[in-house]
Amino acid sequence: MRFSIKQLIPALAVSLAVTLMLTSCASIQRSRDEGAVRQLADLVNSGQPQKLASMSVTPFLLDGEIVLLPADVSAFWTGIVKAGFRVQGAALESGVPVTADSHRQFADTMEVKSFFARYVKDNARILEMSTSSGRRIRILTRSTWFSWTILGFKGPF
């Protein structure tokens, strides 16, 4: 059975497109994670706690504590900005999907494990960033195609 060039070109084009799409998935996710880290750092550094609060959900995981009220989440972001906290030289170290053991990255307690089981759903990721001071920050995020929300924050450590 012989194929003509006219028959092979569409098949080759489709297989090339599929190959490119499959190989770029990881780079697309990394780019989205880097964008989230950059945006968080920019909002903290430019003193925009209201925007950070609007991107955050409740309940919110702060280190190993669960913050239930939106006003308390807003007070957290306002407080760190007023205290002069800055995220200088932020760079994504890792971005991983949430797994059954991810709660341990925040605290190995039943409370945090329950938080993950109850409130952390599909498309959630843990992003770890390094800063120019050598300290690290973790953020728990959930993303859609066009936006992302902050479910938790840990650091600096």
N, C-alpha and C. Protein backbone atom coordinates (compact mmCIF):
# COMPACT_ATOMS: atom_id res chain seq x y z
N MET A 1 0.85 -1.17 0.00
CA MET A 1 0.00 0.00 0.00
C MET A 1 0.89 1.22 0.00
N ARG A 2 0.72 2.07 -0.95
CA ARG A 2 1.53 3.27 -1.09
C ARG A 2 0.67 4.49 -0.85
N PHE A 3 1.32 5.49 -0.21
CA PHE A 3 0.65 6.75 0.04
C PHE A 3 1.32 7.83 -0.80
N SER A 4 0.52 8.75 -1.26
CA SER A 4 1.08 9.87 -2.00
C SER A 4 1.50 10.96 -1.01
N ILE A 5 2.29 11.87 -1.48
CA ILE A 5 2.74 13.00 -0.66
C ILE A 5 1.53 13.80 -0.18
N LYS A 6 0.54 13.95 -1.02
CA LYS A 6 -0.65 14.70 -0.64
C LYS A 6 -1.39 14.04 0.52
N GLN A 7 -1.32 12.72 0.61
CA GLN A 7 -1.96 12.02 1.71
C GLN A 7 -1.12 12.08 2.99
N LEU A 8 0.19 12.11 2.86
CA LEU A 8 1.07 12.10 4.02
C LEU A 8 1.18 13.46 4.72
N ILE A 9 1.11 14.54 3.96
CA ILE A 9 1.30 15.87 4.54
C ILE A 9 0.28 16.18 5.63
N PRO A 10 -1.02 15.97 5.44
CA PRO A 10 -1.96 16.23 6.54
C PRO A 10 -1.70 15.34 7.76
N ALA A 11 -1.37 14.09 7.53
CA ALA A 11 -1.10 13.18 8.65
C ALA A 11 0.14 13.63 9.42
N LEU A 12 1.16 14.04 8.71
CA LEU A 12 2.38 14.54 9.36
C LEU A 12 2.11 15.83 10.12
N ALA A 13 1.32 16.70 9.54
CA ALA A 13 0.99 17.96 10.20
C ALA A 13 0.22 17.71 11.51
N VAL A 14 -0.73 16.81 11.48
CA VAL A 14 -1.50 16.49 12.68
C VAL A 14 -0.59 15.87 13.74
N SER A 15 0.24 14.92 13.36
CA SER A 15 1.12 14.29 14.35
C SER A 15 2.13 15.28 14.91
N LEU A 16 2.62 16.21 14.10
CA LEU A 16 3.52 17.24 14.59
C LEU A 16 2.81 18.17 15.58
N ALA A 17 1.58 18.54 15.27
CA ALA A 17 0.81 19.41 16.17
C ALA A 17 0.54 18.71 17.50
N VAL A 18 0.19 17.45 17.46
CA VAL A 18 -0.07 16.70 18.69
C VAL A 18 1.22 16.59 19.51
N THR A 19 2.32 16.30 18.87
CA THR A 19 3.61 16.19 19.56
C THR A 19 3.98 17.52 20.22
N LEU A 20 3.83 18.62 19.50
CA LEU A 20 4.13 19.93 20.07
C LEU A 20 3.23 20.25 21.25
N MET A 21 1.97 19.91 21.13
CA MET A 21 1.03 20.19 22.21
C MET A 21 1.39 19.38 23.46
N LEU A 22 1.72 18.13 23.28
CA LEU A 22 2.06 17.29 24.44
C LEU A 22 3.37 17.71 25.09
N THR A 23 4.34 18.12 24.32
CA THR A 23 5.62 18.53 24.90
C THR A 23 5.56 19.90 25.53
N SER A 24 4.60 20.73 25.14
CA SER A 24 4.54 22.08 25.69
C SER A 24 3.67 22.18 26.94
N CYS A 25 2.93 21.14 27.30
CA CYS A 25 2.04 21.22 28.46
C CYS A 25 2.80 21.58 29.73
N ALA A 26 3.93 20.95 29.97
CA ALA A 26 4.72 21.23 31.17
C ALA A 26 5.24 22.67 31.15
N SER A 27 5.66 23.13 29.99
CA SER A 27 6.19 24.50 29.92
C SER A 27 5.07 25.52 30.09
N ILE A 28 3.88 25.21 29.64
CA ILE A 28 2.75 26.12 29.84
C ILE A 28 2.43 26.23 31.33
N GLN A 29 2.39 25.09 32.03
CA GLN A 29 2.10 25.12 33.46
C GLN A 29 3.18 25.88 34.22
N ARG A 30 4.43 25.65 33.88
CA ARG A 30 5.53 26.35 34.54
C ARG A 30 5.39 27.86 34.32
N SER A 31 5.05 28.25 33.12
CA SER A 31 4.87 29.66 32.81
C SER A 31 3.73 30.26 33.63
N ARG A 32 2.64 29.53 33.78
CA ARG A 32 1.52 30.02 34.59
C ARG A 32 1.92 30.14 36.06
N ASP A 33 2.68 29.15 36.56
CA ASP A 33 3.15 29.19 37.94
C ASP A 33 4.08 30.38 38.16
N GLU A 34 4.99 30.61 37.21
CA GLU A 34 5.90 31.76 37.32
C GLU A 34 5.12 33.07 37.31
N GLY A 35 4.07 33.13 36.50
CA GLY A 35 3.24 34.32 36.45
C GLY A 35 2.54 34.59 37.78
N ALA A 36 2.07 33.52 38.43
CA ALA A 36 1.42 33.67 39.74
C ALA A 36 2.40 34.18 40.78
N VAL A 37 3.61 33.62 40.77
CA VAL A 37 4.65 34.07 41.72
C VAL A 37 5.00 35.53 41.48
N ARG A 38 5.17 35.88 40.24
CA ARG A 38 5.51 37.27 39.88
C ARG A 38 4.39 38.22 40.30
N GLN A 39 3.13 37.82 40.04
CA GLN A 39 2.01 38.69 40.39
C GLN A 39 1.90 38.86 41.90
N LEU A 40 2.04 37.78 42.66
CA LEU A 40 1.98 37.88 44.11
C LEU A 40 3.07 38.81 44.62
N ALA A 41 4.29 38.62 44.15
CA ALA A 41 5.40 39.47 44.59
C ALA A 41 5.15 40.93 44.22
N ASP A 42 4.69 41.17 43.02
CA ASP A 42 4.41 42.55 42.58
C ASP A 42 3.33 43.21 43.44
N LEU A 43 2.28 42.46 43.77
CA LEU A 43 1.20 43.03 44.58
C LEU A 43 1.66 43.33 46.00
N VAL A 44 2.45 42.43 46.57
CA VAL A 44 2.98 42.68 47.92
C VAL A 44 3.92 43.88 47.88
N ASN A 45 4.85 43.87 46.95
CA ASN A 45 5.88 44.92 46.88
C ASN A 45 5.31 46.30 46.54
N SER A 46 4.22 46.33 45.79
CA SER A 46 3.62 47.62 45.43
C SER A 46 2.54 48.04 46.43
N GLY A 47 2.37 47.26 47.49
CA GLY A 47 1.43 47.66 48.55
C GLY A 47 -0.02 47.60 48.16
N GLN A 48 -0.47 46.47 47.63
CA GLN A 48 -1.86 46.33 47.20
C GLN A 48 -2.58 45.22 47.98
N PRO A 49 -2.76 45.40 49.28
CA PRO A 49 -3.39 44.34 50.07
C PRO A 49 -4.85 44.07 49.68
N GLN A 50 -5.55 45.08 49.18
CA GLN A 50 -6.94 44.87 48.79
C GLN A 50 -7.03 43.90 47.61
N LYS A 51 -6.14 44.04 46.67
CA LYS A 51 -6.12 43.14 45.52
C LYS A 51 -5.78 41.72 45.97
N LEU A 52 -4.79 41.59 46.87
CA LEU A 52 -4.42 40.27 47.40
C LEU A 52 -5.60 39.64 48.13
N ALA A 53 -6.31 40.44 48.91
CA ALA A 53 -7.47 39.93 49.65
C ALA A 53 -8.58 39.50 48.69
N SER A 54 -8.76 40.26 47.61
CA SER A 54 -9.81 39.89 46.65
C SER A 54 -9.46 38.62 45.88
N MET A 55 -8.19 38.30 45.79
CA MET A 55 -7.75 37.07 45.12
C MET A 55 -7.75 35.88 46.07
N SER A 56 -7.92 36.13 47.36
CA SER A 56 -7.88 35.08 48.37
C SER A 56 -9.30 34.58 48.66
N VAL A 57 -9.37 33.34 49.08
CA VAL A 57 -10.66 32.75 49.42
C VAL A 57 -10.69 32.43 50.92
N THR A 58 -11.89 32.23 51.43
CA THR A 58 -12.02 31.74 52.79
C THR A 58 -12.79 30.43 52.74
N PRO A 59 -12.45 29.52 53.61
CA PRO A 59 -11.36 29.61 54.56
C PRO A 59 -10.01 29.67 53.86
N PHE A 60 -9.06 30.29 54.56
CA PHE A 60 -7.72 30.55 54.05
C PHE A 60 -6.73 29.89 55.00
N LEU A 61 -5.72 29.23 54.43
CA LEU A 61 -4.72 28.56 55.25
C LEU A 61 -3.50 29.46 55.39
N LEU A 62 -3.21 29.85 56.61
CA LEU A 62 -2.07 30.73 56.90
C LEU A 62 -1.11 29.95 57.79
N ASP A 63 0.01 29.58 57.20
CA ASP A 63 0.96 28.66 57.84
C ASP A 63 0.19 27.39 58.21
N GLY A 64 -0.07 27.15 59.46
CA GLY A 64 -0.83 25.97 59.86
C GLY A 64 -2.18 26.30 60.45
N GLU A 65 -2.61 27.54 60.30
CA GLU A 65 -3.87 27.99 60.90
C GLU A 65 -4.91 28.26 59.82
N ILE A 66 -6.15 27.96 60.14
CA ILE A 66 -7.24 28.20 59.20
C ILE A 66 -7.91 29.52 59.58
N VAL A 67 -7.94 30.43 58.62
CA VAL A 67 -8.56 31.75 58.82
C VAL A 67 -9.94 31.69 58.15
N LEU A 68 -10.98 31.91 58.94
CA LEU A 68 -12.34 31.71 58.45
C LEU A 68 -13.00 32.96 57.88
N LEU A 69 -12.65 34.12 58.40
CA LEU A 69 -13.36 35.34 58.01
C LEU A 69 -12.62 36.12 56.93
N PRO A 70 -13.35 36.59 55.92
CA PRO A 70 -12.71 37.42 54.90
C PRO A 70 -12.02 38.65 55.48
N ALA A 71 -12.60 39.25 56.51
CA ALA A 71 -11.99 40.43 57.13
C ALA A 71 -10.63 40.09 57.74
N ASP A 72 -10.50 38.88 58.27
CA ASP A 72 -9.21 38.47 58.84
C ASP A 72 -8.17 38.20 57.76
N VAL A 73 -8.60 37.67 56.63
CA VAL A 73 -7.68 37.48 55.50
C VAL A 73 -7.22 38.84 54.99
N SER A 74 -8.15 39.77 54.88
CA SER A 74 -7.81 41.13 54.46
C SER A 74 -6.84 41.77 55.45
N ALA A 75 -7.08 41.57 56.75
CA ALA A 75 -6.20 42.12 57.78
C ALA A 75 -4.80 41.52 57.68
N PHE A 76 -4.70 40.24 57.33
CA PHE A 76 -3.40 39.61 57.14
C PHE A 76 -2.62 40.32 56.03
N TRP A 77 -3.23 40.46 54.87
CA TRP A 77 -2.53 41.11 53.74
C TRP A 77 -2.20 42.56 54.07
N THR A 78 -3.14 43.27 54.67
CA THR A 78 -2.88 44.66 55.06
C THR A 78 -1.74 44.74 56.05
N GLY A 79 -1.74 43.84 57.01
CA GLY A 79 -0.69 43.83 58.04
C GLY A 79 0.70 43.58 57.50
N ILE A 80 0.82 42.63 56.57
CA ILE A 80 2.18 42.38 56.07
C ILE A 80 2.68 43.52 55.19
N VAL A 81 1.75 44.15 54.48
CA VAL A 81 2.16 45.30 53.66
C VAL A 81 2.56 46.47 54.56
N LYS A 82 1.75 46.76 55.59
CA LYS A 82 2.06 47.86 56.51
C LYS A 82 3.35 47.61 57.29
N ALA A 83 3.64 46.35 57.56
CA ALA A 83 4.86 45.99 58.31
C ALA A 83 6.11 46.10 57.44
N GLY A 84 5.91 46.38 56.15
CA GLY A 84 7.05 46.53 55.27
C GLY A 84 7.57 45.24 54.66
N PHE A 85 6.79 44.17 54.77
CA PHE A 85 7.21 42.90 54.18
C PHE A 85 7.33 43.05 52.67
N ARG A 86 8.41 42.55 52.13
CA ARG A 86 8.63 42.59 50.68
C ARG A 86 9.10 41.23 50.21
N VAL A 87 8.78 40.93 48.96
CA VAL A 87 9.21 39.68 48.33
C VAL A 87 10.19 40.08 47.22
N GLN A 88 11.44 40.25 47.61
CA GLN A 88 12.46 40.70 46.66
C GLN A 88 13.08 39.50 45.94
N GLY A 89 13.26 39.63 44.65
CA GLY A 89 13.92 38.58 43.87
C GLY A 89 13.17 37.28 43.86
N ALA A 90 11.84 37.35 43.81
CA ALA A 90 11.03 36.13 43.84
C ALA A 90 11.27 35.30 42.59
N ALA A 91 11.48 34.01 42.79
CA ALA A 91 11.66 33.08 41.68
C ALA A 91 10.97 31.76 42.03
N LEU A 92 10.27 31.20 41.07
CA LEU A 92 9.60 29.93 41.28
C LEU A 92 10.64 28.83 41.44
N GLU A 93 10.55 28.13 42.55
CA GLU A 93 11.42 26.96 42.78
C GLU A 93 10.72 25.69 42.31
N SER A 94 9.44 25.58 42.67
CA SER A 94 8.68 24.40 42.25
C SER A 94 7.20 24.73 42.24
N GLY A 95 6.49 24.03 41.40
CA GLY A 95 5.05 24.11 41.34
C GLY A 95 4.52 22.71 41.13
N VAL A 96 3.76 22.21 42.10
CA VAL A 96 3.30 20.83 42.02
C VAL A 96 1.80 20.75 42.30
N PRO A 97 1.13 19.81 41.66
CA PRO A 97 -0.28 19.60 41.98
C PRO A 97 -0.43 19.10 43.41
N VAL A 98 -1.55 19.40 44.01
CA VAL A 98 -1.83 18.94 45.36
C VAL A 98 -2.07 17.43 45.33
N THR A 99 -1.49 16.75 46.31
CA THR A 99 -1.67 15.30 46.47
C THR A 99 -2.26 15.03 47.85
N ALA A 100 -2.45 13.76 48.15
CA ALA A 100 -3.01 13.38 49.45
C ALA A 100 -2.12 13.78 50.62
N ASP A 101 -0.81 13.93 50.38
CA ASP A 101 0.12 14.29 51.45
C ASP A 101 0.55 15.76 51.43
N SER A 102 -0.03 16.55 50.57
CA SER A 102 0.40 17.95 50.42
C SER A 102 0.19 18.78 51.68
N HIS A 103 -0.76 18.40 52.50
CA HIS A 103 -1.01 19.18 53.73
C HIS A 103 0.24 19.30 54.58
N ARG A 104 1.12 18.32 54.50
CA ARG A 104 2.34 18.31 55.31
C ARG A 104 3.28 19.47 54.97
N GLN A 105 3.13 20.05 53.79
CA GLN A 105 3.97 21.18 53.42
C GLN A 105 3.57 22.45 54.17
N PHE A 106 2.38 22.43 54.76
CA PHE A 106 1.93 23.56 55.58
C PHE A 106 2.02 23.21 57.06
N ALA A 107 1.47 22.07 57.44
CA ALA A 107 1.57 21.58 58.82
C ALA A 107 1.05 20.15 58.84
N ASP A 108 1.71 19.29 59.56
CA ASP A 108 1.29 17.90 59.65
C ASP A 108 0.35 17.73 60.84
N THR A 109 -0.83 18.33 60.70
CA THR A 109 -1.84 18.27 61.76
C THR A 109 -3.16 17.79 61.16
N MET A 110 -4.03 17.30 62.01
CA MET A 110 -5.35 16.87 61.54
C MET A 110 -6.16 18.05 61.00
N GLU A 111 -5.98 19.22 61.62
CA GLU A 111 -6.72 20.41 61.19
C GLU A 111 -6.36 20.77 59.74
N VAL A 112 -5.07 20.78 59.44
CA VAL A 112 -4.64 21.13 58.08
C VAL A 112 -4.99 20.01 57.10
N LYS A 113 -4.86 18.78 57.53
CA LYS A 113 -5.25 17.66 56.68
C LYS A 113 -6.73 17.75 56.33
N SER A 114 -7.56 18.09 57.31
CA SER A 114 -9.00 18.26 57.07
C SER A 114 -9.29 19.43 56.14
N PHE A 115 -8.52 20.52 56.30
CA PHE A 115 -8.67 21.67 55.41
C PHE A 115 -8.44 21.24 53.96
N PHE A 116 -7.35 20.51 53.72
CA PHE A 116 -7.05 20.06 52.36
C PHE A 116 -8.15 19.14 51.84
N ALA A 117 -8.61 18.22 52.67
CA ALA A 117 -9.63 17.27 52.24
C ALA A 117 -10.95 17.96 51.91
N ARG A 118 -11.28 18.98 52.68
CA ARG A 118 -12.58 19.62 52.51
C ARG A 118 -12.60 20.78 51.51
N TYR A 119 -11.54 21.58 51.50
CA TYR A 119 -11.58 22.82 50.72
C TYR A 119 -10.66 22.87 49.50
N VAL A 120 -9.69 22.01 49.44
CA VAL A 120 -8.74 22.07 48.33
C VAL A 120 -9.18 21.08 47.27
N LYS A 121 -9.64 21.60 46.16
CA LYS A 121 -10.23 20.76 45.11
C LYS A 121 -9.34 20.73 43.87
N ASP A 122 -9.95 20.37 42.76
CA ASP A 122 -9.24 20.24 41.48
C ASP A 122 -8.51 21.52 41.11
N ASN A 123 -7.44 21.35 40.36
CA ASN A 123 -6.62 22.45 39.84
C ASN A 123 -5.86 23.20 40.92
N ALA A 124 -5.72 22.63 42.09
CA ALA A 124 -4.95 23.28 43.15
C ALA A 124 -3.48 22.88 43.02
N ARG A 125 -2.62 23.85 43.32
CA ARG A 125 -1.18 23.63 43.22
C ARG A 125 -0.49 24.30 44.40
N ILE A 126 0.65 23.77 44.75
CA ILE A 126 1.50 24.41 45.74
C ILE A 126 2.71 24.96 45.00
N LEU A 127 2.87 26.27 45.12
CA LEU A 127 3.99 26.95 44.47
C LEU A 127 4.97 27.36 45.55
N GLU A 128 6.22 26.99 45.38
CA GLU A 128 7.25 27.40 46.32
C GLU A 128 8.18 28.35 45.60
N MET A 129 8.39 29.50 46.24
CA MET A 129 9.27 30.50 45.64
C MET A 129 10.44 30.78 46.57
N SER A 130 11.54 31.12 45.95
CA SER A 130 12.70 31.57 46.73
C SER A 130 12.78 33.08 46.59
N THR A 131 13.45 33.71 47.53
CA THR A 131 13.64 35.15 47.48
C THR A 131 15.13 35.46 47.49
N SER A 132 15.46 36.69 47.20
CA SER A 132 16.88 37.07 47.15
C SER A 132 17.55 36.97 48.52
N SER A 133 16.76 36.94 49.59
CA SER A 133 17.33 36.79 50.94
C SER A 133 17.62 35.33 51.28
N GLY A 134 17.23 34.41 50.38
CA GLY A 134 17.45 33.00 50.63
C GLY A 134 16.30 32.32 51.35
N ARG A 135 15.29 33.07 51.71
CA ARG A 135 14.12 32.50 52.38
C ARG A 135 13.12 32.01 51.34
N ARG A 136 12.20 31.21 51.78
CA ARG A 136 11.20 30.63 50.88
C ARG A 136 9.79 30.98 51.33
N ILE A 137 8.88 30.96 50.37
CA ILE A 137 7.46 31.21 50.62
C ILE A 137 6.69 30.16 49.82
N ARG A 138 5.64 29.63 50.42
CA ARG A 138 4.75 28.71 49.71
C ARG A 138 3.38 29.36 49.59
N ILE A 139 2.79 29.18 48.42
CA ILE A 139 1.40 29.60 48.25
C ILE A 139 0.60 28.43 47.70
N LEU A 140 -0.58 28.30 48.23
CA LEU A 140 -1.53 27.29 47.79
C LEU A 140 -2.50 28.01 46.86
N THR A 141 -2.58 27.55 45.62
CA THR A 141 -3.38 28.25 44.62
C THR A 141 -4.35 27.30 43.92
N ARG A 142 -5.35 27.89 43.31
CA ARG A 142 -6.24 27.17 42.41
C ARG A 142 -6.38 28.05 41.17
N SER A 143 -6.27 27.44 40.02
CA SER A 143 -6.35 28.26 38.82
C SER A 143 -7.42 27.76 37.86
N THR A 144 -7.88 28.72 37.09
CA THR A 144 -8.73 28.43 35.95
C THR A 144 -7.94 28.89 34.73
N TRP A 145 -8.54 28.86 33.59
CA TRP A 145 -7.80 29.27 32.40
C TRP A 145 -7.39 30.74 32.46
N PHE A 146 -8.19 31.58 33.09
CA PHE A 146 -7.94 33.01 33.00
C PHE A 146 -7.59 33.69 34.32
N SER A 147 -7.66 32.98 35.43
CA SER A 147 -7.35 33.61 36.70
C SER A 147 -6.88 32.55 37.70
N TRP A 148 -6.46 33.03 38.85
CA TRP A 148 -6.06 32.12 39.91
C TRP A 148 -6.44 32.74 41.25
N THR A 149 -6.65 31.89 42.23
CA THR A 149 -7.00 32.35 43.57
C THR A 149 -5.98 31.81 44.56
N ILE A 150 -5.89 32.50 45.68
CA ILE A 150 -4.95 32.12 46.73
C ILE A 150 -5.74 31.42 47.83
N LEU A 151 -5.38 30.18 48.10
CA LEU A 151 -6.04 29.39 49.15
C LEU A 151 -5.23 29.38 50.43
N GLY A 152 -3.92 29.64 50.32
CA GLY A 152 -3.08 29.59 51.51
C GLY A 152 -1.72 30.21 51.28
N PHE A 153 -1.04 30.51 52.39
CA PHE A 153 0.25 31.20 52.38
C PHE A 153 1.08 30.67 53.54
N LYS A 154 2.34 30.38 53.28
CA LYS A 154 3.25 29.96 54.34
C LYS A 154 4.59 30.62 54.10
N GLY A 155 5.09 31.25 55.18
CA GLY A 155 6.42 31.81 55.06
C GLY A 155 6.51 33.20 55.64
N PRO A 156 7.66 33.77 55.48
CA PRO A 156 8.87 33.14 54.92
C PRO A 156 9.50 32.19 55.92
N PHE A 157 10.15 31.18 55.38
CA PHE A 157 10.84 30.20 56.21
C PHE A 157 12.20 29.90 55.64
